């Protein structure tokens, strides 16, 4: 199994932008009121 590396020097610009986009999307969803993911304290 290939281990993913999050060291900036070992990622292509495409991989970096993909991760940034994913983090922004996740962050936006996490801050939406009334949206419960897997939290049991919602």
PDB file of N, CA and C in Angstrom:
ATOM      1  N   UNK A   1       0.842  -1.192   0.000  1.00  0.00           N
ATOM      2  CA  UNK A   1       0.000   0.000   0.000  1.00  0.00           C
ATOM      3  C   UNK A   1       0.877   1.242   0.000  1.00  0.00           C
ATOM      4  N   UNK A   2       0.575   2.151  -0.895  1.00  0.00           N
ATOM      5  CA  UNK A   2       1.369   3.365  -0.988  1.00  0.00           C
ATOM      6  C   UNK A   2       0.946   4.363   0.082  1.00  0.00           C
ATOM      7  N   UNK A   3       1.941   4.886   0.796  1.00  0.00           N
ATOM      8  CA  UNK A   3       1.635   5.848   1.852  1.00  0.00           C
ATOM      9  C   UNK A   3       1.563   7.250   1.272  1.00  0.00           C
ATOM     10  N   UNK A   4       0.506   7.961   1.613  1.00  0.00           N
ATOM     11  CA  UNK A   4       0.365   9.331   1.138  1.00  0.00           C
ATOM     12  C   UNK A   4       1.273  10.238   1.938  1.00  0.00           C
ATOM     13  N   UNK A   5       1.954  11.128   1.237  1.00  0.00           N
ATOM     14  CA  UNK A   5       2.814  12.086   1.912  1.00  0.00           C
ATOM     15  C   UNK A   5       2.231  13.476   1.765  1.00  0.00           C
ATOM     16  N   UNK A   6       2.178  14.219   2.863  1.00  0.00           N
ATOM     17  CA  UNK A   6       1.636  15.567   2.806  1.00  0.00           C
ATOM     18  C   UNK A   6       2.738  16.606   2.919  1.00  0.00           C
ATOM     19  N   UNK A   7       3.970  16.172   2.649  1.00  0.00           N
ATOM     20  CA  UNK A   7       5.064  17.133   2.611  1.00  0.00           C
ATOM     21  C   UNK A   7       4.943  17.938   1.331  1.00  0.00           C
ATOM     22  N   UNK A   8       4.896  19.264   1.434  1.00  0.00           N
ATOM     23  CA  UNK A   8       4.669  20.118   0.257  1.00  0.00           C
ATOM     24  C   UNK A   8       5.652  19.844  -0.870  1.00  0.00           C
ATOM     25  N   UNK A   9       6.893  19.533  -0.556  1.00  0.00           N
ATOM     26  CA  UNK A   9       7.897  19.318  -1.586  1.00  0.00           C
ATOM     27  C   UNK A   9       7.671  18.047  -2.384  1.00  0.00           C
ATOM     28  N   UNK A  10       6.844  17.157  -1.888  1.00  0.00           N
ATOM     29  CA  UNK A  10       6.650  15.870  -2.556  1.00  0.00           C
ATOM     30  C   UNK A  10       5.307  15.783  -3.261  1.00  0.00           C
ATOM     31  N   UNK A  11       4.606  16.900  -3.346  1.00  0.00           N
ATOM     32  CA  UNK A  11       3.320  16.915  -4.032  1.00  0.00           C
ATOM     33  C   UNK A  11       3.396  17.756  -5.286  1.00  0.00           C
ATOM     34  N   UNK A  12       2.650  17.345  -6.280  1.00  0.00           N
ATOM     35  CA  UNK A  12       2.563  18.157  -7.491  1.00  0.00           C
ATOM     36  C   UNK A  12       1.619  19.315  -7.216  1.00  0.00           C
ATOM     37  N   UNK A  13       1.727  20.404  -7.981  1.00  0.00           N
ATOM     38  CA  UNK A  13       0.809  21.534  -7.808  1.00  0.00           C
ATOM     39  C   UNK A  13      -0.648  21.102  -7.936  1.00  0.00           C
ATOM     40  N   UNK A  14      -0.912  20.139  -8.809  1.00  0.00           N
ATOM     41  CA  UNK A  14      -2.279  19.649  -8.987  1.00  0.00           C
ATOM     42  C   UNK A  14      -2.796  18.973  -7.732  1.00  0.00           C
ATOM     43  N   UNK A  15      -1.945  18.179  -7.107  1.00  0.00           N
ATOM     44  CA  UNK A  15      -2.344  17.504  -5.874  1.00  0.00           C
ATOM     45  C   UNK A  15      -2.588  18.510  -4.763  1.00  0.00           C
ATOM     46  N   UNK A  16      -1.719  19.516  -4.701  1.00  0.00           N
ATOM     47  CA  UNK A  16      -1.882  20.549  -3.674  1.00  0.00           C
ATOM     48  C   UNK A  16      -3.190  21.300  -3.844  1.00  0.00           C
ATOM     49  N   UNK A  17      -3.505  21.680  -5.085  1.00  0.00           N
ATOM     50  CA  UNK A  17      -4.738  22.441  -5.318  1.00  0.00           C
ATOM     51  C   UNK A  17      -5.960  21.570  -5.032  1.00  0.00           C
ATOM     52  N   UNK A  18      -5.861  20.278  -5.343  1.00  0.00           N
ATOM     53  CA  UNK A  18      -6.973  19.370  -5.078  1.00  0.00           C
ATOM     54  C   UNK A  18      -7.236  19.277  -3.580  1.00  0.00           C
ATOM     55  N   UNK A  19      -6.173  19.149  -2.803  1.00  0.00           N
ATOM     56  CA  UNK A  19      -6.312  19.065  -1.355  1.00  0.00           C
ATOM     57  C   UNK A  19      -6.842  20.369  -0.784  1.00  0.00           C
ATOM     58  N   UNK A  20      -6.342  21.493  -1.290  1.00  0.00           N
ATOM     59  CA  UNK A  20      -6.824  22.793  -0.821  1.00  0.00           C
ATOM     60  C   UNK A  20      -8.315  22.943  -1.087  1.00  0.00           C
ATOM     61  N   UNK A  21      -8.739  22.509  -2.288  1.00  0.00           N
ATOM     62  CA  UNK A  21     -10.152  22.611  -2.647  1.00  0.00           C
ATOM     63  C   UNK A  21     -10.994  21.719  -1.733  1.00  0.00           C
ATOM     64  N   UNK A  22     -10.499  20.538  -1.444  1.00  0.00           N
ATOM     65  CA  UNK A  22     -11.228  19.617  -0.577  1.00  0.00           C
ATOM     66  C   UNK A  22     -11.352  20.178   0.834  1.00  0.00           C
ATOM     67  N   UNK A  23     -10.262  20.767   1.331  1.00  0.00           N
ATOM     68  CA  UNK A  23     -10.296  21.334   2.669  1.00  0.00           C
ATOM     69  C   UNK A  23     -11.256  22.508   2.754  1.00  0.00           C
ATOM     70  N   UNK A  24     -11.278  23.335   1.712  1.00  0.00           N
ATOM     71  CA  UNK A  24     -12.196  24.481   1.709  1.00  0.00           C
ATOM     72  C   UNK A  24     -13.638  24.005   1.688  1.00  0.00           C
ATOM     73  N   UNK A  25     -13.913  22.986   0.872  1.00  0.00           N
ATOM     74  CA  UNK A  25     -15.269  22.451   0.784  1.00  0.00           C
ATOM     75  C   UNK A  25     -15.693  21.857   2.121  1.00  0.00           C
ATOM     76  N   UNK A  26     -14.802  21.076   2.727  1.00  0.00           N
ATOM     77  CA  UNK A  26     -15.102  20.462   4.014  1.00  0.00           C
ATOM     78  C   UNK A  26     -15.316  21.529   5.075  1.00  0.00           C
ATOM     79  N   UNK A  27     -14.460  22.554   5.066  1.00  0.00           N
ATOM     80  CA  UNK A  27     -14.568  23.627   6.042  1.00  0.00           C
ATOM     81  C   UNK A  27     -15.903  24.349   5.917  1.00  0.00           C
ATOM     82  N   UNK A  28     -16.329  24.564   4.670  1.00  0.00           N
ATOM     83  CA  UNK A  28     -17.595  25.252   4.435  1.00  0.00           C
ATOM     84  C   UNK A  28     -18.754  24.412   4.989  1.00  0.00           C
ATOM     85  N   UNK A  29     -18.709  23.108   4.752  1.00  0.00           N
ATOM     86  CA  UNK A  29     -19.775  22.230   5.226  1.00  0.00           C
ATOM     87  C   UNK A  29     -19.791  22.137   6.746  1.00  0.00           C
ATOM     88  N   UNK A  30     -18.602  22.132   7.349  1.00  0.00           N
ATOM     89  CA  UNK A  30     -18.527  22.012   8.796  1.00  0.00           C
ATOM     90  C   UNK A  30     -19.098  23.229   9.499  1.00  0.00           C
ATOM     91  N   UNK A  31     -19.101  24.373   8.811  1.00  0.00           N
ATOM     92  CA  UNK A  31     -19.577  25.592   9.448  1.00  0.00           C
ATOM     93  C   UNK A  31     -21.010  25.944   9.066  1.00  0.00           C
ATOM     94  N   UNK A  32     -21.659  25.062   8.295  1.00  0.00           N
ATOM     95  CA  UNK A  32     -23.060  25.307   7.960  1.00  0.00           C
ATOM     96  C   UNK A  32     -23.924  24.956   9.160  1.00  0.00           C
ATOM     97  N   UNK A  33     -24.774  25.881   9.591  1.00  0.00           N
ATOM     98  CA  UNK A  33     -25.650  25.599  10.735  1.00  0.00           C
ATOM     99  C   UNK A  33     -26.668  24.508  10.401  1.00  0.00           C
ATOM    100  N   UNK A  34     -26.900  23.637  11.350  1.00  0.00           N
ATOM    101  CA  UNK A  34     -27.907  22.609  11.165  1.00  0.00           C
ATOM    102  C   UNK A  34     -27.407  21.371  10.452  1.00  0.00           C
ATOM    103  N   UNK A  35     -26.141  21.360  10.098  1.00  0.00           N
ATOM    104  CA  UNK A  35     -25.592  20.196   9.416  1.00  0.00           C
ATOM    105  C   UNK A  35     -24.820  19.354  10.419  1.00  0.00           C
ATOM    106  N   UNK A  36     -25.274  18.131  10.624  1.00  0.00           N
ATOM    107  CA  UNK A  36     -24.603  17.241  11.550  1.00  0.00           C
ATOM    108  C   UNK A  36     -23.882  16.150  10.774  1.00  0.00           C
ATOM    109  N   UNK A  37     -22.575  16.054  10.978  1.00  0.00           N
ATOM    110  CA  UNK A  37     -21.829  14.989  10.317  1.00  0.00           C
ATOM    111  C   UNK A  37     -21.884  13.737  11.177  1.00  0.00           C
ATOM    112  N   UNK A  38     -20.805  13.433  11.860  1.00  0.00           N
ATOM    113  CA  UNK A  38     -20.786  12.232  12.684  1.00  0.00           C
ATOM    114  C   UNK A  38     -20.740  12.598  14.157  1.00  0.00           C
ATOM    115  N   UNK A  39     -20.975  13.870  14.449  1.00  0.00           N
ATOM    116  CA  UNK A  39     -20.932  14.320  15.837  1.00  0.00           C
ATOM    117  C   UNK A  39     -22.156  13.800  16.588  1.00  0.00           C
ATOM    118  N   UNK A  40     -21.922  13.255  17.766  1.00  0.00           N
ATOM    119  CA  UNK A  40     -23.028  12.744  18.572  1.00  0.00           C
ATOM    120  C   UNK A  40     -23.528  13.809  19.526  1.00  0.00           C
ATOM    121  N   UNK A  41     -22.882  14.976  19.530  1.00  0.00           N
ATOM    122  CA  UNK A  41     -23.282  16.051  20.430  1.00  0.00           C
ATOM    123  C   UNK A  41     -24.034  17.152  19.706  1.00  0.00           C
ATOM    124  N   UNK A  42     -24.521  16.867  18.513  1.00  0.00           N
ATOM    125  CA  UNK A  42     -25.175  17.901  17.702  1.00  0.00           C
ATOM    126  C   UNK A  42     -26.449  18.416  18.348  1.00  0.00           C
TER     127      UNK A  42
END
